């Protein structure tokens, strides 16, 4: 899929983030998967719904697509590869993943 026109977006966004935001606006999708803080803030300011990769891990666990061990491993692998979470968020998410009922979700 090609972006028809690239809207005026902040210069501190990378080309990929700009194209992702533009494509979401063009396709009118439900939400955008993006973890870059500046890009996600820009998208939200444009009225777009944004989700992070951590949201997907929780979502997959809640839907039974992955089990607790897989979800925890995914989260830990993200952290090991350089994904940033505050220690408070990490503890909250780990507790959420290990609970029997993963009902809450995290939006970053």
N, C-alpha and C. Protein backbone atom coordinates (compact mmCIF):
# COMPACT_ATOMS: atom_id res chain seq x y z
N UNK A 1 0.86 -1.17 0.00
CA UNK A 1 0.00 0.00 0.00
C UNK A 1 0.90 1.23 0.00
N UNK A 2 0.55 2.19 -0.81
CA UNK A 2 1.35 3.41 -0.92
C UNK A 2 0.56 4.59 -0.36
N UNK A 3 1.27 5.46 0.34
CA UNK A 3 0.67 6.67 0.87
C UNK A 3 0.43 7.63 -0.28
N UNK A 4 -0.82 8.13 -0.39
CA UNK A 4 -1.16 9.05 -1.48
C UNK A 4 -0.47 10.39 -1.32
N UNK A 5 -0.66 11.01 -0.17
CA UNK A 5 -0.01 12.29 0.11
C UNK A 5 0.48 12.27 1.55
N UNK A 6 1.61 12.86 1.77
CA UNK A 6 2.17 12.92 3.11
C UNK A 6 1.80 14.26 3.74
N UNK A 7 1.03 14.21 4.84
CA UNK A 7 0.63 15.47 5.48
C UNK A 7 1.83 16.15 6.15
N UNK A 8 1.65 17.40 6.49
CA UNK A 8 2.70 18.14 7.19
C UNK A 8 2.77 17.62 8.62
N UNK A 9 3.89 17.00 8.94
CA UNK A 9 4.11 16.44 10.26
C UNK A 9 5.43 16.96 10.81
N UNK A 10 5.64 16.87 12.12
CA UNK A 10 6.87 17.40 12.71
C UNK A 10 8.13 16.80 12.09
N UNK A 11 9.16 17.62 11.97
CA UNK A 11 10.43 17.18 11.38
C UNK A 11 11.17 16.15 12.23
N UNK A 12 10.84 16.09 13.53
CA UNK A 12 11.54 15.14 14.39
C UNK A 12 10.97 13.72 14.31
N UNK A 13 10.01 13.51 13.42
CA UNK A 13 9.51 12.15 13.16
C UNK A 13 10.29 11.56 12.00
N UNK A 14 10.54 10.27 12.09
CA UNK A 14 11.19 9.58 10.98
C UNK A 14 10.23 9.41 9.81
N UNK A 15 10.77 9.10 8.67
CA UNK A 15 9.94 8.91 7.47
C UNK A 15 8.92 7.79 7.68
N UNK A 16 9.35 6.70 8.34
CA UNK A 16 8.44 5.57 8.58
C UNK A 16 7.27 5.96 9.46
N UNK A 17 7.54 6.72 10.51
CA UNK A 17 6.45 7.16 11.39
C UNK A 17 5.50 8.10 10.65
N UNK A 18 6.06 9.00 9.85
CA UNK A 18 5.22 9.91 9.07
C UNK A 18 4.31 9.13 8.12
N UNK A 19 4.89 8.13 7.45
CA UNK A 19 4.11 7.35 6.50
C UNK A 19 3.06 6.50 7.21
N UNK A 20 3.40 5.97 8.38
CA UNK A 20 2.43 5.16 9.14
C UNK A 20 1.23 6.01 9.56
N UNK A 21 1.49 7.21 10.05
CA UNK A 21 0.41 8.12 10.44
C UNK A 21 -0.43 8.50 9.23
N UNK A 22 0.22 8.85 8.14
CA UNK A 22 -0.49 9.23 6.91
C UNK A 22 -1.34 8.07 6.39
N UNK A 23 -0.78 6.87 6.41
CA UNK A 23 -1.51 5.70 5.91
C UNK A 23 -2.72 5.40 6.79
N UNK A 24 -2.57 5.56 8.08
CA UNK A 24 -3.70 5.34 8.98
C UNK A 24 -4.82 6.34 8.69
N UNK A 25 -4.44 7.58 8.48
CA UNK A 25 -5.45 8.60 8.15
C UNK A 25 -6.10 8.29 6.81
N UNK A 26 -5.31 7.84 5.88
CA UNK A 26 -5.81 7.52 4.54
C UNK A 26 -6.77 6.33 4.57
N UNK A 27 -6.40 5.28 5.30
CA UNK A 27 -7.21 4.05 5.33
C UNK A 27 -8.31 4.07 6.38
N UNK A 28 -8.24 5.02 7.29
CA UNK A 28 -9.22 5.14 8.37
C UNK A 28 -9.30 3.85 9.19
N UNK A 29 -8.14 3.35 9.59
CA UNK A 29 -8.07 2.13 10.38
C UNK A 29 -8.45 2.41 11.83
N UNK A 30 -8.68 1.35 12.59
CA UNK A 30 -9.10 1.50 13.98
C UNK A 30 -8.00 2.03 14.89
N UNK A 31 -6.78 1.54 14.70
CA UNK A 31 -5.67 1.99 15.53
C UNK A 31 -4.34 1.76 14.84
N UNK A 32 -3.34 2.43 15.36
CA UNK A 32 -1.99 2.40 14.81
C UNK A 32 -1.05 1.75 15.82
N UNK A 33 -0.29 0.75 15.39
CA UNK A 33 0.70 0.11 16.24
C UNK A 33 2.01 0.89 16.10
N UNK A 34 2.38 1.59 17.17
CA UNK A 34 3.59 2.40 17.13
C UNK A 34 4.08 2.60 18.56
N UNK A 35 5.39 2.52 18.75
CA UNK A 35 5.95 2.64 20.09
C UNK A 35 6.76 3.91 20.29
N UNK A 36 7.11 4.58 19.23
CA UNK A 36 7.87 5.83 19.36
C UNK A 36 7.00 6.87 20.07
N UNK A 37 7.52 7.42 21.17
CA UNK A 37 6.72 8.33 22.00
C UNK A 37 6.30 9.60 21.24
N UNK A 38 7.22 10.21 20.51
CA UNK A 38 6.89 11.43 19.76
C UNK A 38 5.85 11.12 18.69
N UNK A 39 6.04 10.01 17.98
CA UNK A 39 5.10 9.63 16.92
C UNK A 39 3.72 9.29 17.49
N UNK A 40 3.68 8.58 18.62
CA UNK A 40 2.38 8.23 19.19
C UNK A 40 1.66 9.47 19.72
N UNK A 41 2.42 10.40 20.30
CA UNK A 41 1.81 11.65 20.76
C UNK A 41 1.27 12.45 19.57
N UNK A 42 2.06 12.52 18.50
CA UNK A 42 1.63 13.23 17.28
C UNK A 42 0.35 12.59 16.73
N UNK A 43 0.32 11.28 16.67
CA UNK A 43 -0.86 10.58 16.15
C UNK A 43 -2.09 10.86 17.02
N UNK A 44 -1.90 10.81 18.33
CA UNK A 44 -3.03 11.09 19.24
C UNK A 44 -3.53 12.52 19.08
N UNK A 45 -2.60 13.46 18.91
CA UNK A 45 -3.00 14.86 18.71
C UNK A 45 -3.77 15.04 17.40
N UNK A 46 -3.57 14.13 16.47
CA UNK A 46 -4.30 14.17 15.20
C UNK A 46 -5.61 13.39 15.29
N UNK A 47 -5.94 12.90 16.51
CA UNK A 47 -7.20 12.21 16.73
C UNK A 47 -7.16 10.71 16.43
N UNK A 48 -5.96 10.15 16.31
CA UNK A 48 -5.83 8.74 15.98
C UNK A 48 -5.66 7.90 17.25
N UNK A 49 -6.12 6.68 17.19
CA UNK A 49 -5.96 5.75 18.30
C UNK A 49 -4.66 4.98 18.11
N UNK A 50 -3.88 4.88 19.17
CA UNK A 50 -2.54 4.29 19.10
C UNK A 50 -2.43 3.14 20.10
N UNK A 51 -1.73 2.10 19.70
CA UNK A 51 -1.43 0.96 20.58
C UNK A 51 0.06 0.67 20.51
N UNK A 52 0.58 0.06 21.58
CA UNK A 52 1.99 -0.32 21.62
C UNK A 52 2.11 -1.84 21.49
N UNK A 53 3.33 -2.31 21.31
CA UNK A 53 3.57 -3.75 21.21
C UNK A 53 3.18 -4.43 22.52
N UNK A 54 3.36 -3.77 23.64
CA UNK A 54 2.97 -4.35 24.93
C UNK A 54 1.46 -4.57 24.97
N UNK A 55 0.71 -3.66 24.40
CA UNK A 55 -0.74 -3.83 24.31
C UNK A 55 -1.06 -5.14 23.60
N UNK A 56 -0.34 -5.43 22.51
CA UNK A 56 -0.59 -6.67 21.77
C UNK A 56 -0.29 -7.91 22.61
N UNK A 57 0.78 -7.87 23.38
CA UNK A 57 1.11 -9.01 24.23
C UNK A 57 -0.03 -9.28 25.22
N UNK A 58 -0.52 -8.24 25.85
CA UNK A 58 -1.63 -8.38 26.80
C UNK A 58 -2.90 -8.84 26.07
N UNK A 59 -3.17 -8.27 24.92
CA UNK A 59 -4.35 -8.63 24.14
C UNK A 59 -4.31 -10.11 23.74
N UNK A 60 -3.14 -10.56 23.22
CA UNK A 60 -3.01 -11.97 22.81
C UNK A 60 -3.19 -12.90 24.01
N UNK A 61 -2.66 -12.53 25.16
CA UNK A 61 -2.81 -13.34 26.37
C UNK A 61 -4.27 -13.40 26.78
N UNK A 62 -4.93 -12.26 26.78
CA UNK A 62 -6.33 -12.21 27.19
C UNK A 62 -7.21 -13.03 26.26
N UNK A 63 -6.90 -13.03 24.97
CA UNK A 63 -7.69 -13.77 23.99
C UNK A 63 -7.31 -15.26 23.92
N UNK A 64 -6.31 -15.66 24.69
CA UNK A 64 -5.90 -17.05 24.70
C UNK A 64 -5.03 -17.46 23.52
N UNK A 65 -4.49 -16.51 22.80
CA UNK A 65 -3.61 -16.80 21.66
C UNK A 65 -2.23 -17.22 22.12
N UNK A 66 -1.82 -16.73 23.29
CA UNK A 66 -0.57 -17.14 23.91
C UNK A 66 -0.86 -17.38 25.39
N UNK A 67 -0.03 -18.21 26.02
CA UNK A 67 -0.23 -18.47 27.44
C UNK A 67 0.62 -17.50 28.28
N UNK A 68 0.51 -17.65 29.60
CA UNK A 68 1.21 -16.74 30.50
C UNK A 68 2.72 -16.82 30.33
N UNK A 69 3.24 -18.02 30.18
CA UNK A 69 4.68 -18.19 30.00
C UNK A 69 5.17 -17.52 28.72
N UNK A 70 4.44 -17.70 27.63
CA UNK A 70 4.80 -17.07 26.36
C UNK A 70 4.72 -15.55 26.45
N UNK A 71 3.67 -15.06 27.10
CA UNK A 71 3.49 -13.61 27.23
C UNK A 71 4.63 -13.00 28.05
N UNK A 72 4.98 -13.66 29.15
CA UNK A 72 6.07 -13.17 29.99
C UNK A 72 7.39 -13.19 29.23
N UNK A 73 7.63 -14.26 28.49
CA UNK A 73 8.86 -14.36 27.69
C UNK A 73 8.91 -13.26 26.63
N UNK A 74 7.79 -13.00 25.96
CA UNK A 74 7.75 -11.92 24.97
C UNK A 74 8.08 -10.58 25.61
N UNK A 75 7.47 -10.31 26.75
CA UNK A 75 7.74 -9.06 27.45
C UNK A 75 9.21 -8.96 27.84
N UNK A 76 9.74 -10.02 28.43
CA UNK A 76 11.15 -10.00 28.84
C UNK A 76 12.08 -9.88 27.64
N UNK A 77 11.75 -10.55 26.54
CA UNK A 77 12.57 -10.43 25.32
C UNK A 77 12.55 -9.01 24.76
N UNK A 78 11.39 -8.36 24.84
CA UNK A 78 11.31 -6.96 24.41
C UNK A 78 12.26 -6.10 25.24
N UNK A 79 12.22 -6.29 26.56
CA UNK A 79 13.08 -5.51 27.46
C UNK A 79 14.55 -5.80 27.16
N UNK A 80 14.90 -7.07 26.98
CA UNK A 80 16.30 -7.44 26.70
C UNK A 80 16.80 -6.85 25.39
N UNK A 81 15.88 -6.66 24.43
CA UNK A 81 16.29 -6.13 23.13
C UNK A 81 16.32 -4.59 23.10
N UNK A 82 16.02 -3.96 24.26
CA UNK A 82 16.13 -2.51 24.33
C UNK A 82 14.81 -1.77 24.42
N UNK A 83 13.70 -2.48 24.44
CA UNK A 83 12.40 -1.82 24.58
C UNK A 83 12.33 -1.20 25.97
N UNK A 84 11.94 0.06 26.06
CA UNK A 84 11.92 0.74 27.35
C UNK A 84 10.55 0.68 28.00
N UNK A 85 10.54 0.26 29.25
CA UNK A 85 9.38 0.36 30.13
C UNK A 85 9.90 0.84 31.47
N UNK A 86 9.16 1.72 32.11
CA UNK A 86 9.56 2.11 33.46
C UNK A 86 9.41 0.87 34.35
N UNK A 87 10.12 0.85 35.45
CA UNK A 87 10.01 -0.30 36.35
C UNK A 87 8.59 -0.45 36.87
N UNK A 88 7.92 0.67 37.09
CA UNK A 88 6.52 0.63 37.55
C UNK A 88 5.62 -0.03 36.51
N UNK A 89 5.78 0.37 35.25
CA UNK A 89 4.98 -0.24 34.17
C UNK A 89 5.31 -1.72 34.00
N UNK A 90 6.59 -2.06 34.10
CA UNK A 90 7.01 -3.45 33.95
C UNK A 90 6.36 -4.33 35.02
N UNK A 91 6.42 -3.89 36.27
CA UNK A 91 5.82 -4.65 37.37
C UNK A 91 4.31 -4.78 37.16
N UNK A 92 3.66 -3.69 36.80
CA UNK A 92 2.21 -3.71 36.57
C UNK A 92 1.85 -4.70 35.45
N UNK A 93 2.59 -4.67 34.38
CA UNK A 93 2.29 -5.55 33.24
C UNK A 93 2.56 -7.00 33.61
N UNK A 94 3.67 -7.27 34.29
CA UNK A 94 3.98 -8.64 34.72
C UNK A 94 2.87 -9.18 35.63
N UNK A 95 2.42 -8.35 36.56
CA UNK A 95 1.33 -8.77 37.44
C UNK A 95 0.06 -9.03 36.64
N UNK A 96 -0.19 -8.19 35.66
CA UNK A 96 -1.36 -8.33 34.80
C UNK A 96 -1.28 -9.62 34.00
N UNK A 97 -0.10 -9.95 33.50
CA UNK A 97 0.07 -11.17 32.70
C UNK A 97 -0.04 -12.43 33.53
N UNK A 98 0.32 -12.36 34.81
CA UNK A 98 0.28 -13.56 35.64
C UNK A 98 -1.04 -13.77 36.33
N UNK A 99 -1.93 -12.77 36.28
CA UNK A 99 -3.23 -12.95 36.90
C UNK A 99 -4.08 -13.90 36.06
N UNK A 100 -4.98 -14.60 36.73
CA UNK A 100 -5.86 -15.55 36.02
C UNK A 100 -6.71 -14.84 34.99
N UNK A 101 -7.15 -13.65 35.31
CA UNK A 101 -8.03 -12.90 34.44
C UNK A 101 -7.32 -11.63 33.98
N UNK A 102 -6.78 -11.65 32.78
CA UNK A 102 -6.09 -10.48 32.25
C UNK A 102 -7.13 -9.60 31.57
N UNK A 103 -7.82 -8.81 32.37
CA UNK A 103 -8.91 -8.00 31.86
C UNK A 103 -8.49 -6.59 31.50
N UNK A 104 -7.50 -6.05 32.19
CA UNK A 104 -7.09 -4.68 31.94
C UNK A 104 -6.10 -4.65 30.79
N UNK A 105 -6.04 -3.57 30.09
CA UNK A 105 -5.06 -3.41 29.03
C UNK A 105 -4.22 -2.18 29.28
N UNK A 106 -3.10 -2.15 28.63
CA UNK A 106 -2.18 -1.02 28.80
C UNK A 106 -2.06 -0.30 27.47
N UNK A 107 -2.25 1.00 27.49
CA UNK A 107 -2.04 1.83 26.31
C UNK A 107 -0.90 2.75 26.65
N UNK A 108 0.06 2.79 25.79
CA UNK A 108 1.20 3.66 26.01
C UNK A 108 1.21 4.78 25.03
